[in-house]
Each structure stands twice: as structure tokens, then as C-alpha cells.
Amino acid sequence: MNQTKNTINIAIVGLGGQGIITLSKLIINTYIQMGQKACMNEIHGLSQRGGSVQSLLRIGDSNCPVFASNDTDFIIGLEKMETIRYLYSAKKAKAKVVLANYYEIRNTADLGLEVFPKNEIIDKEIEKYVQEMYIFETLDFEKSFKPKFKPVNVAVFSALTEIPELNMDKNLAKKVMLDILGKNIILKRINERAFDQGTKWIKKRVG
């Protein structure tokens, strides 16, 4: 699937405002501090709130972050419709998927300009195209998380350390997160709490 045996290709997809840029930087910096080669592309799409966004990360024996969609090993989806769109292009790869399991309604849907399928239909369609799927139970995390600001991307980052194939050092990942997001003492505490709780809400559904 990869161009090189020791490379992991990761696509992070979702909407502007979900923290995809931050999540990408957290993952890349963790691998770099683990002593591995890691690179990411410029963000594709509209990073403003609600715009379609994807970021490509390559971990391992390559200095180029760009790869073909059917060479994708992992898709990290922070929004279901964006996940399914990317899966259609990567379907030959049978990628492994980490899905933040909630359905974000866009402004256009609120205005009646788009009709979205029901959650159950989307879930079944996603499962057709995956080799393995991990679900991050976003709503349960948000219900249990007391602060008003709920950094789902940080919690998902923490949850990724539970996936054996990604082989991320959890303690180092937390240090990287605090280094990058720890400048504001209040936000530092909130992000630290989100990281500490994130691993509770990931479950393997397929594979």
C-alpha cells in the first residue's frame, strides 16, 4: 500500500474550525521527537469555520508529504461526510479509519440548501470501505467534560496513542501537546484534562 515499507500515510479530514491544523502539528511533532522522519503538506481547503479541509501526513522514509489517495493507510475523520468523501477516493486502499463519531450539521443544511443522509446510512457506507475502524465517542466525551471549551482534537490526539499500528509514545505525545498548547495557563489545564480523558472514548468497531 505504501510507496516504502517503513512509511505511514495519514489523511486528516474534516471542517474548518475543528482543529485539523493543530491536530496535524501535534502528530508530526510527536513523531519527530520520537526520532522519526515526519512531514505534512499545506492544508487543502478552506480552514475557515465550516469549510472542507484535509491535511496529509507522512511518517517514515520520505521527505515528501504528498501521496496518492489510494496509498492512504489511516484516515482520521473529524466529520462524517468529509470522511466518506475521502474514503470514496481511497477505496482501493481499504484504509484504517479513526472516526470522531458525531454528525456536524453545516450552515447550508440549516438553510435548507443541502440534505444530509441519516447517521445510520453514513455509518454503514463508511464501513464498506474500511479495513479497520476505530470510533472516538465524541458526544460521550463532551457530556463528561465539564469545561465549556471542549478540545475534541486534543482528546482525539490522545486516543490515537491507543492504536498499536501508529506506535505513538503517549507520554511524549502529552509533552508535545503541553509544549504547543501550554502558553495560556487556563487553556493548558483544559487541554491537559482533555488529553488525560481522551483514551477512554475510543473503541474498535471493525477489523
Protein backbone atom coordinates (compact mmCIF):
# COMPACT_ATOMS: atom_id res chain seq x y z
CA MET A 1 0.00 0.00 0.00
CA ASN A 2 2.78 2.46 0.88
CA GLN A 3 5.45 3.51 -1.54
CA THR A 4 8.02 2.41 1.02
CA LYS A 5 7.77 -0.36 3.55
CA ASN A 6 8.52 1.86 6.53
CA THR A 7 6.13 4.70 5.74
CA ILE A 8 2.71 5.50 7.23
CA ASN A 9 0.47 7.79 5.18
CA ILE A 10 -2.20 9.62 7.18
CA ALA A 11 -5.03 11.82 5.87
CA ILE A 12 -6.83 14.05 8.37
CA VAL A 13 -10.18 15.29 7.07
CA GLY A 14 -12.94 17.44 8.45
CA LEU A 15 -14.20 21.01 8.58
CA GLY A 16 -12.55 24.32 9.27
CA GLY A 17 -12.84 25.16 12.97
CA GLN A 18 -12.36 21.57 14.17
CA GLY A 19 -8.64 21.98 14.86
CA ILE A 20 -7.23 19.93 11.98
CA ILE A 21 -4.14 22.12 11.67
CA THR A 22 -3.40 21.78 15.38
CA LEU A 23 -4.00 18.02 15.34
CA SER A 24 -1.64 17.64 12.38
CA LYS A 25 1.10 19.59 14.14
CA LEU A 26 0.69 17.56 17.32
CA ILE A 27 1.06 14.27 15.44
CA ILE A 28 4.02 15.41 13.33
CA ASN A 29 5.92 16.88 16.28
CA THR A 30 5.39 13.74 18.35
CA TYR A 31 6.92 11.53 15.67
CA ILE A 32 9.81 13.95 15.16
CA GLN A 33 10.58 13.92 18.89
CA MET A 34 10.43 10.12 18.75
CA GLY A 35 13.34 10.36 16.30
CA GLN A 36 11.37 9.57 13.14
CA LYS A 37 11.10 11.41 9.85
CA ALA A 38 7.75 13.12 9.58
CA CYS A 39 6.32 15.77 7.27
CA MET A 40 2.95 17.32 6.41
CA ASN A 41 1.58 19.22 3.46
CA GLU A 42 -0.06 22.62 3.39
CA ILE A 43 -3.70 22.34 4.37
CA HIS A 44 -6.02 21.74 1.40
CA GLY A 45 -9.37 23.51 1.53
CA LEU A 46 -10.97 26.32 3.48
CA SER A 47 -9.67 26.47 7.01
CA GLN A 48 -12.38 28.95 7.95
CA ARG A 49 -15.22 27.54 10.02
CA GLY A 50 -17.34 25.08 8.07
CA GLY A 51 -15.06 24.73 5.04
CA SER A 52 -13.90 21.34 3.81
CA VAL A 53 -10.30 20.68 4.95
CA GLN A 54 -7.78 17.88 4.58
CA SER A 55 -4.18 17.52 5.70
CA LEU A 56 -1.73 14.83 4.53
CA LEU A 57 0.95 13.49 6.86
CA ARG A 58 3.72 11.05 6.01
CA ILE A 59 5.67 9.27 8.71
CA GLY A 60 8.85 7.36 7.82
CA ASP A 61 11.29 7.08 4.94
CA SER A 62 10.20 10.05 2.85
CA ASN A 63 10.70 13.80 2.72
CA CYS A 64 7.58 14.37 0.61
CA PRO A 65 4.22 14.60 2.37
CA VAL A 66 2.12 14.16 -0.78
CA PHE A 67 0.80 10.72 -1.66
CA ALA A 68 -1.96 9.25 -3.81
CA SER A 69 -5.31 8.80 -2.12
CA ASN A 70 -5.20 5.02 -2.68
CA ASP A 71 -1.89 4.91 -0.78
CA THR A 72 -3.62 6.12 2.40
CA ASP A 73 -3.01 3.94 5.46
CA PHE A 74 -5.02 5.89 8.04
CA ILE A 75 -7.88 8.35 7.68
CA ILE A 76 -8.61 10.43 10.76
CA GLY A 77 -12.06 11.88 10.23
CA LEU A 78 -13.38 14.69 12.41
CA GLU A 79 -16.61 14.94 10.39
CA LYS A 80 -18.54 12.06 8.86
CA MET A 81 -19.39 13.43 5.42
CA GLU A 82 -15.80 14.55 4.81
CA THR A 83 -14.63 11.10 5.91
CA ILE A 84 -16.90 9.35 3.45
CA ARG A 85 -15.86 11.67 0.61
CA TYR A 86 -12.21 10.84 1.19
CA LEU A 87 -12.95 7.13 1.53
CA TYR A 88 -14.54 7.09 -1.93
CA SER A 89 -11.27 8.27 -3.45
CA ALA A 90 -9.17 5.95 -1.26
CA LYS A 91 -11.42 2.89 -1.54
CA LYS A 92 -8.78 0.73 -3.27
CA ALA A 93 -6.57 1.12 -0.22
CA LYS A 94 -9.11 -0.20 2.30
CA ALA A 95 -7.67 2.32 4.74
CA LYS A 96 -7.84 2.12 8.51
CA VAL A 97 -10.12 4.81 9.90
CA VAL A 98 -10.36 6.75 13.14
CA LEU A 99 -13.74 8.47 13.15
CA ALA A 100 -14.96 11.15 15.55
CA ASN A 101 -18.48 9.82 15.90
CA TYR A 102 -20.81 12.74 15.71
CA TYR A 103 -22.61 14.45 12.91
CA GLU A 104 -21.93 18.14 12.47
CA ILE A 105 -24.65 19.98 10.57
CA ARG A 106 -23.29 22.75 8.35
CA ASN A 107 -24.84 26.17 7.90
CA THR A 108 -26.03 25.27 4.40
CA ALA A 109 -28.04 22.40 5.86
CA ASP A 110 -29.61 24.76 8.36
CA LEU A 111 -30.70 26.97 5.46
CA GLY A 112 -32.25 24.02 3.65
CA LEU A 113 -29.67 24.09 0.84
CA GLU A 114 -28.32 20.58 1.48
CA VAL A 115 -29.96 17.35 2.54
CA PHE A 116 -27.73 15.02 4.54
CA PRO A 117 -28.28 11.26 4.90
CA LYS A 118 -29.19 9.83 8.27
CA ASN A 119 -26.38 8.85 10.61
CA GLU A 120 -27.07 5.13 10.28
CA ILE A 121 -26.81 5.29 6.49
CA ILE A 122 -23.50 7.15 6.65
CA ASP A 123 -22.08 4.67 9.17
CA LYS A 124 -22.95 1.68 7.01
CA GLU A 125 -21.47 3.32 3.93
CA ILE A 126 -18.21 4.13 5.72
CA GLU A 127 -17.90 0.54 6.94
CA LYS A 128 -17.96 -0.72 3.33
CA TYR A 129 -14.64 0.93 2.58
CA VAL A 130 -12.55 0.32 5.68
CA GLN A 131 -10.12 -2.36 6.78
CA GLU A 132 -10.27 -1.33 10.42
CA MET A 133 -12.32 1.38 12.10
CA TYR A 134 -11.89 2.99 15.48
CA ILE A 135 -14.70 5.19 16.80
CA PHE A 136 -14.00 8.15 19.05
CA GLU A 137 -17.22 8.68 21.01
CA THR A 138 -17.32 12.45 20.74
CA LEU A 139 -20.70 13.06 22.34
CA ASP A 140 -19.86 10.94 25.38
CA PHE A 141 -16.58 12.81 25.75
CA GLU A 142 -18.31 16.18 25.51
CA LYS A 143 -21.01 15.20 28.01
CA SER A 144 -18.43 14.07 30.55
CA PHE A 145 -16.10 17.04 30.02
CA LYS A 146 -17.02 19.85 32.39
CA PRO A 147 -15.25 22.92 30.91
CA LYS A 148 -17.28 24.90 28.37
CA PHE A 149 -14.40 24.76 25.88
CA LYS A 150 -14.16 21.14 24.68
CA PRO A 151 -10.99 20.49 22.62
CA VAL A 152 -12.09 17.36 20.76
CA ASN A 153 -8.97 17.44 18.58
CA VAL A 154 -6.73 17.13 21.66
CA ALA A 155 -8.81 14.25 23.00
CA VAL A 156 -8.64 12.51 19.61
CA PHE A 157 -4.85 13.07 19.58
CA SER A 158 -4.63 11.31 22.93
CA ALA A 159 -6.85 8.47 21.67
CA LEU A 160 -4.50 7.89 18.72
CA THR A 161 -1.82 6.74 21.17
CA GLU A 162 -4.01 3.67 21.85
CA ILE A 163 -3.77 2.42 18.25
CA PRO A 164 -0.92 -0.11 18.02
CA GLU A 165 -0.13 0.46 14.32
CA LEU A 166 0.55 4.15 14.91
CA ASN A 167 3.05 3.32 17.67
CA MET A 168 2.91 6.77 19.29
CA ASP A 169 4.57 7.36 22.65
CA LYS A 170 1.73 8.58 24.91
CA ASN A 171 3.94 10.33 27.48
CA LEU A 172 5.87 12.10 24.75
CA ALA A 173 2.64 12.99 22.97
CA LYS A 174 1.36 14.68 26.12
CA LYS A 175 4.62 16.63 26.49
CA VAL A 176 4.38 17.79 22.86
CA MET A 177 0.78 18.87 23.41
CA LEU A 178 1.68 20.89 26.51
CA ASP A 179 4.64 22.50 24.73
CA ILE A 180 2.49 23.58 21.78
CA LEU A 181 -0.77 24.42 23.59
CA GLY A 182 0.52 25.38 27.03
CA LYS A 183 1.20 29.09 26.66
CA ASN A 184 -2.11 30.10 28.26
CA ILE A 185 -2.31 28.59 31.76
CA ILE A 186 -6.11 28.18 31.70
CA LEU A 187 -6.16 26.56 28.26
CA LYS A 188 -3.18 24.44 29.27
CA ARG A 189 -5.19 22.91 32.12
CA ILE A 190 -8.21 22.32 29.89
CA ASN A 191 -6.14 20.71 27.14
CA GLU A 192 -4.29 18.57 29.67
CA ARG A 193 -7.60 17.35 31.08
CA ALA A 194 -8.88 16.59 27.56
CA PHE A 195 -5.71 14.63 26.79
CA ASP A 196 -5.96 12.65 30.02
CA GLN A 197 -9.57 11.68 29.26
CA GLY A 198 -9.25 11.09 25.52
CA THR A 199 -8.17 7.46 25.62
CA LYS A 200 -11.38 6.47 27.47
CA TRP A 201 -13.57 7.22 24.47
CA ILE A 202 -12.00 5.26 21.62
CA LYS A 203 -13.35 1.83 20.63
CA LYS A 204 -12.59 -0.53 17.77
CA ARG A 205 -15.68 -1.26 15.68
CA VAL A 206 -14.37 -3.01 12.54
CA GLY A 207 -11.37 -5.30 11.97
